[in-house]
Amino acid sequence: MRILLAIDGSSFSDAAVTEIATRPWPAESEVRIISVVEPPLLPTVETWVPPDNYIQALEQAGEDQARSVLSKAVDRIPSEQRDKLRVSTEIVKGHPKHAIIDAAETWEADLIVVGSHGYRGLTKLWLGSVSQAVASHAKCSVEIVRSRQHDA
């Protein structure tokens, strides 16, 4: 089984990592853990010109954070699971909704696992729901993990 785990370092994605780490999986299963780095947005103030390396510094900071998030996720998978699961990581650049779906299709994932922030109402409208978009458009099964402590 090929499982794509998409994380962002939030407590909501931590719940998804825990789900992967604690569930029994079929022998020879693979988990690819990805973290998406979004392209930096520049402020649109006309009188301000960013330094030459501004975009590069923002991209580097995003990649450094993604590496840290991926490293912590790999460390959380118990040693007994490492014999059953082959784990790999990848930093993906793009917008999360599209990047997760594209990564799953390219890798031919059987299952996508994502955490849910549980946004509702106007917040969901303004920020969008990555998990909802992935569930609606993925060509494979999608599991949306919710953290019970944050649902209340």
C-alpha atoms as a PDB file:
ATOM      1  CA  MET A   1       0.000   0.000   0.000  1.00  0.00           C
ATOM      2  CA  ARG A   2       1.267   3.472  -0.867  1.00  0.00           C
ATOM      3  CA  ILE A   3       0.286   6.133   1.663  1.00  0.00           C
ATOM      4  CA  LEU A   4       0.912   9.829   1.073  1.00  0.00           C
ATOM      5  CA  LEU A   5       0.977  11.793   4.336  1.00  0.00           C
ATOM      6  CA  ALA A   6       0.769  15.557   3.832  1.00  0.00           C
ATOM      7  CA  ILE A   7       1.808  17.649   6.845  1.00  0.00           C
ATOM      8  CA  ASP A   8       2.369  21.292   7.708  1.00  0.00           C
ATOM      9  CA  GLY A   9       3.721  21.122  11.256  1.00  0.00           C
ATOM     10  CA  SER A  10       0.424  22.074  12.911  1.00  0.00           C
ATOM     11  CA  SER A  11      -1.134  20.105  15.740  1.00  0.00           C
ATOM     12  CA  PHE A  12      -3.709  18.981  13.170  1.00  0.00           C
ATOM     13  CA  SER A  13      -1.080  17.366  10.992  1.00  0.00           C
ATOM     14  CA  ASP A  14       0.495  15.895  14.158  1.00  0.00           C
ATOM     15  CA  ALA A  15      -2.765  13.970  14.594  1.00  0.00           C
ATOM     16  CA  ALA A  16      -2.339  12.573  11.077  1.00  0.00           C
ATOM     17  CA  VAL A  17       1.266  11.540  11.869  1.00  0.00           C
ATOM     18  CA  THR A  18       0.046   9.769  15.006  1.00  0.00           C
ATOM     19  CA  GLU A  19      -2.584   7.949  12.940  1.00  0.00           C
ATOM     20  CA  ILE A  20       0.098   6.666  10.566  1.00  0.00           C
ATOM     21  CA  ALA A  21       2.449   5.757  13.420  1.00  0.00           C
ATOM     22  CA  THR A  22      -0.072   3.763  15.451  1.00  0.00           C
ATOM     23  CA  ARG A  23      -2.176   1.937  12.882  1.00  0.00           C
ATOM     24  CA  PRO A  24      -1.319  -1.567  11.681  1.00  0.00           C
ATOM     25  CA  TRP A  25      -0.446  -1.461   7.976  1.00  0.00           C
ATOM     26  CA  PRO A  26      -0.115  -4.260   5.428  1.00  0.00           C
ATOM     27  CA  ALA A  27       3.391  -5.656   4.982  1.00  0.00           C
ATOM     28  CA  GLU A  28       5.574  -3.817   2.467  1.00  0.00           C
ATOM     29  CA  SER A  29       3.569  -0.574   2.831  1.00  0.00           C
ATOM     30  CA  GLU A  30       5.254   2.692   1.907  1.00  0.00           C
ATOM     31  CA  VAL A  31       4.655   6.098   3.438  1.00  0.00           C
ATOM     32  CA  ARG A  32       5.780   9.219   1.640  1.00  0.00           C
ATOM     33  CA  ILE A  33       5.609  12.217   3.944  1.00  0.00           C
ATOM     34  CA  ILE A  34       5.408  15.541   2.141  1.00  0.00           C
ATOM     35  CA  SER A  35       5.406  19.123   3.288  1.00  0.00           C
ATOM     36  CA  VAL A  36       4.350  21.809   0.825  1.00  0.00           C
ATOM     37  CA  VAL A  37       6.238  25.090   0.626  1.00  0.00           C
ATOM     38  CA  GLU A  38       4.023  27.812  -0.794  1.00  0.00           C
ATOM     39  CA  PRO A  39       5.473  30.459  -3.099  1.00  0.00           C
ATOM     40  CA  PRO A  40       6.186  33.677  -1.191  1.00  0.00           C
ATOM     41  CA  LEU A  41       3.823  36.591  -1.632  1.00  0.00           C
ATOM     42  CA  LEU A  42       5.236  40.069  -1.940  1.00  0.00           C
ATOM     43  CA  PRO A  43       3.487  43.012  -0.366  1.00  0.00           C
ATOM     44  CA  THR A  44       2.081  45.338  -2.995  1.00  0.00           C
ATOM     45  CA  VAL A  45       3.382  48.570  -1.549  1.00  0.00           C
ATOM     46  CA  GLU A  46       4.593  50.640  -4.478  1.00  0.00           C
ATOM     47  CA  THR A  47       7.266  52.586  -2.609  1.00  0.00           C
ATOM     48  CA  TRP A  48       8.955  49.537  -1.119  1.00  0.00           C
ATOM     49  CA  VAL A  49      11.444  47.547  -3.164  1.00  0.00           C
ATOM     50  CA  PRO A  50      12.614  44.279  -1.592  1.00  0.00           C
ATOM     51  CA  PRO A  51      16.329  43.517  -1.384  1.00  0.00           C
ATOM     52  CA  ASP A  52      17.785  41.334  -4.160  1.00  0.00           C
ATOM     53  CA  ASN A  53      17.832  38.172  -2.071  1.00  0.00           C
ATOM     54  CA  TYR A  54      14.428  38.718  -0.387  1.00  0.00           C
ATOM     55  CA  ILE A  55      12.549  36.030  -2.354  1.00  0.00           C
ATOM     56  CA  GLN A  56      15.431  33.565  -1.979  1.00  0.00           C
ATOM     57  CA  ALA A  57      15.520  34.158   1.780  1.00  0.00           C
ATOM     58  CA  LEU A  58      11.759  33.562   2.061  1.00  0.00           C
ATOM     59  CA  GLU A  59      11.977  30.380  -0.004  1.00  0.00           C
ATOM     60  CA  GLN A  60      14.931  29.134   2.057  1.00  0.00           C
ATOM     61  CA  ALA A  61      13.057  29.808   5.310  1.00  0.00           C
ATOM     62  CA  GLY A  62      10.068  27.840   3.993  1.00  0.00           C
ATOM     63  CA  GLU A  63      12.260  24.916   2.986  1.00  0.00           C
ATOM     64  CA  ASP A  64      14.076  24.935   6.344  1.00  0.00           C
ATOM     65  CA  GLN A  65      10.756  24.820   8.163  1.00  0.00           C
ATOM     66  CA  ALA A  66       9.532  21.991   5.920  1.00  0.00           C
ATOM     67  CA  ARG A  67      12.727  19.976   6.602  1.00  0.00           C
ATOM     68  CA  SER A  68      12.190  20.405  10.335  1.00  0.00           C
ATOM     69  CA  VAL A  69       8.541  19.338  10.100  1.00  0.00           C
ATOM     70  CA  LEU A  70       9.450  16.260   8.044  1.00  0.00           C
ATOM     71  CA  SER A  71      12.247  15.288  10.414  1.00  0.00           C
ATOM     72  CA  LYS A  72       9.952  15.445  13.445  1.00  0.00           C
ATOM     73  CA  ALA A  73       7.321  13.345  11.671  1.00  0.00           C
ATOM     74  CA  VAL A  74       9.827  10.625  10.772  1.00  0.00           C
ATOM     75  CA  ASP A  75      11.093  10.574  14.368  1.00  0.00           C
ATOM     76  CA  ARG A  76       7.541  10.044  15.685  1.00  0.00           C
ATOM     77  CA  ILE A  77       6.993   6.817  13.806  1.00  0.00           C
ATOM     78  CA  PRO A  78       7.813   4.139  16.379  1.00  0.00           C
ATOM     79  CA  SER A  79      10.698   1.778  15.719  1.00  0.00           C
ATOM     80  CA  GLU A  80       8.330  -1.193  15.463  1.00  0.00           C
ATOM     81  CA  GLN A  81       6.569   0.485  12.516  1.00  0.00           C
ATOM     82  CA  ARG A  82       9.825   1.117  10.660  1.00  0.00           C
ATOM     83  CA  ASP A  83      10.087  -2.607   9.962  1.00  0.00           C
ATOM     84  CA  LYS A  84       6.601  -2.597   8.424  1.00  0.00           C
ATOM     85  CA  LEU A  85       6.665   0.790   6.716  1.00  0.00           C
ATOM     86  CA  ARG A  86       9.179   2.179   4.282  1.00  0.00           C
ATOM     87  CA  VAL A  87       9.277   5.901   4.951  1.00  0.00           C
ATOM     88  CA  SER A  88      10.479   8.613   2.600  1.00  0.00           C
ATOM     89  CA  THR A  89      10.116  12.387   2.696  1.00  0.00           C
ATOM     90  CA  GLU A  90       9.807  15.126   0.127  1.00  0.00           C
ATOM     91  CA  ILE A  91       9.507  18.892   0.100  1.00  0.00           C
ATOM     92  CA  VAL A  92       7.026  19.977  -2.566  1.00  0.00           C
ATOM     93  CA  LYS A  93       6.708  23.527  -3.868  1.00  0.00           C
ATOM     94  CA  GLY A  94       3.338  24.961  -4.819  1.00  0.00           C
ATOM     95  CA  HIS A  95      -0.114  25.607  -3.440  1.00  0.00           C
ATOM     96  CA  PRO A  96      -1.081  22.844  -0.968  1.00  0.00           C
ATOM     97  CA  LYS A  97      -4.423  21.896  -2.532  1.00  0.00           C
ATOM     98  CA  HIS A  98      -2.880  21.230  -5.927  1.00  0.00           C
ATOM     99  CA  ALA A  99       0.546  20.055  -4.780  1.00  0.00           C
ATOM    100  CA  ILE A 100      -0.869  17.263  -2.600  1.00  0.00           C
ATOM    101  CA  ILE A 101      -3.136  15.960  -5.351  1.00  0.00           C
ATOM    102  CA  ASP A 102      -0.342  16.156  -7.945  1.00  0.00           C
ATOM    103  CA  ALA A 103       2.125  14.383  -5.639  1.00  0.00           C
ATOM    104  CA  ALA A 104      -0.388  11.595  -4.981  1.00  0.00           C
ATOM    105  CA  GLU A 105      -1.063  11.112  -8.695  1.00  0.00           C
ATOM    106  CA  THR A 106       2.605  11.192  -9.672  1.00  0.00           C
ATOM    107  CA  TRP A 107       3.551   8.703  -6.957  1.00  0.00           C
ATOM    108  CA  GLU A 108       0.398   6.608  -7.587  1.00  0.00           C
ATOM    109  CA  ALA A 109      -0.690   6.705  -3.940  1.00  0.00           C
ATOM    110  CA  ASP A 110      -3.428   4.383  -2.734  1.00  0.00           C
ATOM    111  CA  LEU A 111      -4.337   6.644   0.186  1.00  0.00           C
ATOM    112  CA  ILE A 112      -3.786  10.279   1.117  1.00  0.00           C
ATOM    113  CA  VAL A 113      -3.800  11.148   4.825  1.00  0.00           C
ATOM    114  CA  VAL A 114      -4.197  14.782   5.872  1.00  0.00           C
ATOM    115  CA  GLY A 115      -5.127  16.581   9.067  1.00  0.00           C
ATOM    116  CA  SER A 116      -8.025  18.990   9.222  1.00  0.00           C
ATOM    117  CA  HIS A 117      -7.970  22.415  10.823  1.00  0.00           C
ATOM    118  CA  GLY A 118     -11.742  22.172  11.156  1.00  0.00           C
ATOM    119  CA  TYR A 119     -12.442  25.651   9.780  1.00  0.00           C
ATOM    120  CA  ARG A 120     -16.096  26.566   9.503  1.00  0.00           C
ATOM    121  CA  GLY A 121     -18.152  29.422   8.166  1.00  0.00           C
ATOM    122  CA  LEU A 122     -16.398  32.521   6.865  1.00  0.00           C
ATOM    123  CA  THR A 123     -12.949  31.332   7.959  1.00  0.00           C
ATOM    124  CA  LYS A 124     -13.359  28.266   5.738  1.00  0.00           C
ATOM    125  CA  LEU A 125     -14.563  30.487   2.905  1.00  0.00           C
ATOM    126  CA  TRP A 126     -11.633  32.917   3.225  1.00  0.00           C
ATOM    127  CA  LEU A 127      -8.851  30.443   3.911  1.00  0.00           C
ATOM    128  CA  GLY A 128     -10.278  27.485   2.046  1.00  0.00           C
ATOM    129  CA  SER A 129     -10.045  23.910   3.169  1.00  0.00           C
ATOM    130  CA  VAL A 130      -7.069  21.961   1.883  1.00  0.00           C
ATOM    131  CA  SER A 131      -8.440  18.690   3.238  1.00  0.00           C
ATOM    132  CA  GLN A 132     -11.835  19.273   1.592  1.00  0.00           C
ATOM    133  CA  ALA A 133     -10.233  20.125  -1.762  1.00  0.00           C
ATOM    134  CA  VAL A 134      -8.011  17.040  -1.601  1.00  0.00           C
ATOM    135  CA  ALA A 135     -10.957  14.801  -0.675  1.00  0.00           C
ATOM    136  CA  SER A 136     -13.042  16.242  -3.516  1.00  0.00           C
ATOM    137  CA  HIS A 137     -10.439  16.024  -6.268  1.00  0.00           C
ATOM    138  CA  ALA A 138      -8.047  13.161  -5.459  1.00  0.00           C
ATOM    139  CA  LYS A 139      -8.182  10.054  -7.609  1.00  0.00           C
ATOM    140  CA  CYS A 140      -7.465   7.785  -4.640  1.00  0.00           C
ATOM    141  CA  SER A 141      -8.948   7.368  -1.167  1.00  0.00           C
ATOM    142  CA  VAL A 142      -8.458  10.215   1.303  1.00  0.00           C
ATOM    143  CA  GLU A 143      -8.505  10.048   5.075  1.00  0.00           C
ATOM    144  CA  ILE A 144      -9.040  13.304   6.940  1.00  0.00           C
ATOM    145  CA  VAL A 145      -7.791  13.053  10.512  1.00  0.00           C
ATOM    146  CA  ARG A 146      -9.182  15.358  13.165  1.00  0.00           C
ATOM    147  CA  SER A 147      -7.555  16.055  16.486  1.00  0.00           C
ATOM    148  CA  ARG A 148     -10.141  15.411  19.179  1.00  0.00           C
ATOM    149  CA  GLN A 149      -8.638  17.974  21.539  1.00  0.00           C
ATOM    150  CA  HIS A 150      -9.181  20.772  18.986  1.00  0.00           C
ATOM    151  CA  ASP A 151     -12.695  19.771  17.889  1.00  0.00           C
ATOM    152  CA  ALA A 152     -14.322  20.970  21.086  1.00  0.00           C
END
